[in-house]
Amino acid sequence: MIASLNAVFPRNAPVVTEVVNAPVFFPAEPYHQNYYATNPGQGYCSLVIHPKLAKFRQTFSSLLKVSNPGR
């Protein structure tokens, strides 16, 4: 992936991120699972996440699947 990105981006600023295997994975506590879906009214969710998701959906709408096509 990094090689393909370096082919697209200018040579004076190559991608230098190292890709390595992750160490032991620790899942988040249950109250953090699906946090945005279960707490949309929380300040961070409504002020930060929601606008970012809206912009993402608008920018990449042609690439997104329709989740409920019948609705």
N, C-alpha and C. Protein backbone atom coordinates (compact mmCIF):
# COMPACT_ATOMS: atom_id res chain seq x y z
N MET A 1 0.82 -1.19 0.00
CA MET A 1 0.00 0.00 0.00
C MET A 1 0.86 1.25 0.00
N ILE A 2 1.90 1.25 0.84
CA ILE A 2 2.77 2.42 0.92
C ILE A 2 3.45 2.67 -0.42
N ALA A 3 3.88 1.62 -1.10
CA ALA A 3 4.51 1.78 -2.41
C ALA A 3 3.53 2.41 -3.40
N SER A 4 2.27 1.98 -3.37
CA SER A 4 1.30 2.55 -4.30
C SER A 4 1.00 4.02 -3.96
N LEU A 5 1.01 4.37 -2.69
CA LEU A 5 0.82 5.76 -2.31
C LEU A 5 2.01 6.62 -2.72
N ASN A 6 3.21 6.08 -2.56
CA ASN A 6 4.40 6.81 -2.96
C ASN A 6 4.42 7.04 -4.46
N ALA A 7 3.78 6.18 -5.22
CA ALA A 7 3.71 6.37 -6.67
C ALA A 7 2.79 7.53 -7.03
N VAL A 8 1.84 7.83 -6.17
CA VAL A 8 0.87 8.89 -6.43
C VAL A 8 1.35 10.24 -5.88
N PHE A 9 1.96 10.22 -4.70
CA PHE A 9 2.38 11.46 -4.06
C PHE A 9 3.76 11.89 -4.54
N PRO A 10 4.07 13.18 -4.42
CA PRO A 10 5.36 13.68 -4.89
C PRO A 10 6.53 13.00 -4.18
N ARG A 11 7.62 12.89 -4.89
CA ARG A 11 8.82 12.24 -4.35
C ARG A 11 9.46 13.03 -3.21
N ASN A 12 9.22 14.33 -3.14
CA ASN A 12 9.84 15.12 -2.07
C ASN A 12 9.15 14.91 -0.73
N ALA A 13 8.03 14.17 -0.72
CA ALA A 13 7.32 13.90 0.53
C ALA A 13 6.78 12.48 0.54
N PRO A 14 7.66 11.48 0.50
CA PRO A 14 7.18 10.10 0.46
C PRO A 14 6.49 9.70 1.78
N VAL A 15 5.63 8.71 1.68
CA VAL A 15 4.99 8.15 2.87
C VAL A 15 6.05 7.35 3.61
N VAL A 16 6.25 7.65 4.87
CA VAL A 16 7.30 6.99 5.64
C VAL A 16 6.75 6.19 6.81
N THR A 17 5.45 5.99 6.84
CA THR A 17 4.83 5.23 7.92
C THR A 17 5.28 3.79 7.85
N GLU A 18 5.65 3.24 8.98
CA GLU A 18 6.08 1.85 9.05
C GLU A 18 4.86 0.97 9.33
N VAL A 19 4.73 -0.11 8.59
CA VAL A 19 3.63 -1.05 8.80
C VAL A 19 4.21 -2.29 9.47
N VAL A 20 3.76 -2.56 10.67
CA VAL A 20 4.25 -3.70 11.44
C VAL A 20 3.06 -4.43 12.06
N ASN A 21 3.29 -5.66 12.47
CA ASN A 21 2.25 -6.40 13.17
C ASN A 21 1.95 -5.71 14.49
N ALA A 22 0.69 -5.68 14.83
CA ALA A 22 0.29 -5.08 16.09
C ALA A 22 0.67 -6.01 17.24
N PRO A 23 0.97 -5.42 18.39
CA PRO A 23 1.19 -6.27 19.55
C PRO A 23 -0.13 -6.88 20.00
N VAL A 24 -0.19 -7.38 21.17
CA VAL A 24 -1.42 -7.98 21.69
C VAL A 24 -2.56 -6.98 21.58
N PHE A 25 -3.71 -7.45 21.10
CA PHE A 25 -4.88 -6.59 20.93
C PHE A 25 -5.77 -6.69 22.16
N PHE A 26 -6.14 -5.56 22.69
CA PHE A 26 -7.04 -5.51 23.84
C PHE A 26 -8.31 -4.78 23.41
N PRO A 27 -9.44 -5.48 23.33
CA PRO A 27 -10.68 -4.80 22.96
C PRO A 27 -11.08 -3.79 24.03
N ALA A 28 -11.79 -2.78 23.61
CA ALA A 28 -12.26 -1.76 24.54
C ALA A 28 -13.31 -2.35 25.48
N GLU A 29 -13.50 -1.66 26.59
CA GLU A 29 -14.50 -2.10 27.54
C GLU A 29 -15.88 -2.05 26.88
N PRO A 30 -16.82 -2.86 27.36
CA PRO A 30 -18.15 -2.91 26.75
C PRO A 30 -18.83 -1.54 26.61
N TYR A 31 -18.65 -0.64 27.57
CA TYR A 31 -19.32 0.65 27.47
C TYR A 31 -18.73 1.53 26.37
N HIS A 32 -17.57 1.17 25.83
CA HIS A 32 -17.00 1.91 24.70
C HIS A 32 -17.42 1.32 23.35
N GLN A 33 -17.95 0.12 23.34
CA GLN A 33 -18.35 -0.51 22.10
C GLN A 33 -19.54 0.23 21.51
N ASN A 34 -19.50 0.53 20.23
CA ASN A 34 -20.58 1.24 19.53
C ASN A 34 -20.97 2.53 20.25
N TYR A 35 -19.97 3.24 20.75
CA TYR A 35 -20.22 4.42 21.57
C TYR A 35 -21.03 5.48 20.82
N TYR A 36 -20.66 5.76 19.59
CA TYR A 36 -21.38 6.80 18.84
C TYR A 36 -22.83 6.41 18.62
N ALA A 37 -23.07 5.15 18.30
CA ALA A 37 -24.43 4.70 18.04
C ALA A 37 -25.29 4.75 19.31
N THR A 38 -24.69 4.50 20.45
CA THR A 38 -25.47 4.47 21.70
C THR A 38 -25.46 5.80 22.45
N ASN A 39 -24.61 6.74 22.05
CA ASN A 39 -24.52 8.03 22.74
C ASN A 39 -24.44 9.20 21.77
N PRO A 40 -25.32 9.28 20.77
CA PRO A 40 -25.19 10.33 19.76
C PRO A 40 -25.36 11.75 20.32
N GLY A 41 -25.99 11.88 21.47
CA GLY A 41 -26.21 13.20 22.05
C GLY A 41 -25.05 13.71 22.89
N GLN A 42 -24.08 12.87 23.16
CA GLN A 42 -22.92 13.31 23.93
C GLN A 42 -22.19 14.41 23.17
N GLY A 43 -21.58 15.33 23.89
CA GLY A 43 -20.93 16.48 23.28
C GLY A 43 -19.94 16.13 22.19
N TYR A 44 -19.01 15.22 22.48
CA TYR A 44 -18.00 14.86 21.49
C TYR A 44 -18.64 14.25 20.26
N CYS A 45 -19.64 13.40 20.47
CA CYS A 45 -20.32 12.77 19.34
C CYS A 45 -21.02 13.79 18.46
N SER A 46 -21.78 14.68 19.09
CA SER A 46 -22.58 15.62 18.31
C SER A 46 -21.74 16.76 17.73
N LEU A 47 -20.69 17.17 18.40
CA LEU A 47 -19.90 18.30 17.93
C LEU A 47 -18.70 17.91 17.06
N VAL A 48 -18.20 16.70 17.23
CA VAL A 48 -17.00 16.30 16.49
C VAL A 48 -17.28 15.17 15.51
N ILE A 49 -17.82 14.07 16.01
CA ILE A 49 -17.99 12.89 15.15
C ILE A 49 -19.05 13.12 14.09
N HIS A 50 -20.21 13.62 14.49
CA HIS A 50 -21.31 13.80 13.52
C HIS A 50 -20.91 14.68 12.34
N PRO A 51 -20.30 15.85 12.55
CA PRO A 51 -19.90 16.66 11.39
C PRO A 51 -18.86 15.96 10.50
N LYS A 52 -17.95 15.22 11.11
CA LYS A 52 -16.95 14.51 10.32
C LYS A 52 -17.60 13.41 9.49
N LEU A 53 -18.55 12.69 10.07
CA LEU A 53 -19.25 11.65 9.32
C LEU A 53 -20.08 12.26 8.18
N ALA A 54 -20.71 13.39 8.45
CA ALA A 54 -21.51 14.06 7.41
C ALA A 54 -20.62 14.48 6.25
N LYS A 55 -19.46 15.05 6.54
CA LYS A 55 -18.53 15.45 5.49
C LYS A 55 -18.03 14.24 4.72
N PHE A 56 -17.71 13.17 5.45
CA PHE A 56 -17.23 11.94 4.81
C PHE A 56 -18.29 11.38 3.86
N ARG A 57 -19.54 11.33 4.34
CA ARG A 57 -20.64 10.81 3.51
C ARG A 57 -20.84 11.66 2.27
N GLN A 58 -20.73 12.97 2.42
CA GLN A 58 -20.91 13.86 1.28
C GLN A 58 -19.76 13.70 0.28
N THR A 59 -18.53 13.63 0.79
CA THR A 59 -17.36 13.54 -0.08
C THR A 59 -17.30 12.21 -0.81
N PHE A 60 -17.64 11.13 -0.13
CA PHE A 60 -17.48 9.79 -0.70
C PHE A 60 -18.81 9.09 -0.96
N SER A 61 -19.86 9.86 -1.17
CA SER A 61 -21.19 9.26 -1.37
C SER A 61 -21.22 8.27 -2.52
N SER A 62 -20.45 8.51 -3.55
CA SER A 62 -20.47 7.61 -4.71
C SER A 62 -19.82 6.27 -4.40
N LEU A 63 -19.06 6.19 -3.33
CA LEU A 63 -18.36 4.95 -2.98
C LEU A 63 -19.05 4.18 -1.87
N LEU A 64 -20.06 4.78 -1.24
CA LEU A 64 -20.72 4.15 -0.10
C LEU A 64 -21.89 3.27 -0.55
N LYS A 65 -22.06 2.19 0.16
CA LYS A 65 -23.21 1.31 -0.10
C LYS A 65 -24.44 1.91 0.56
N VAL A 66 -25.59 1.66 -0.04
CA VAL A 66 -26.86 2.08 0.57
C VAL A 66 -27.21 1.03 1.61
N SER A 67 -27.37 1.44 2.88
CA SER A 67 -27.59 0.46 3.95
C SER A 67 -29.00 -0.09 3.94
N ASN A 68 -30.01 0.71 3.65
CA ASN A 68 -31.39 0.26 3.60
C ASN A 68 -32.02 0.74 2.31
N PRO A 69 -31.78 0.04 1.21
CA PRO A 69 -32.24 0.54 -0.08
C PRO A 69 -33.76 0.67 -0.17
N GLY A 70 -34.54 -0.05 0.63
CA GLY A 70 -35.98 0.01 0.57
C GLY A 70 -36.56 1.19 1.29
N ARG A 71 -35.76 1.90 2.07
CA ARG A 71 -36.27 3.02 2.88
C ARG A 71 -36.10 4.32 2.18
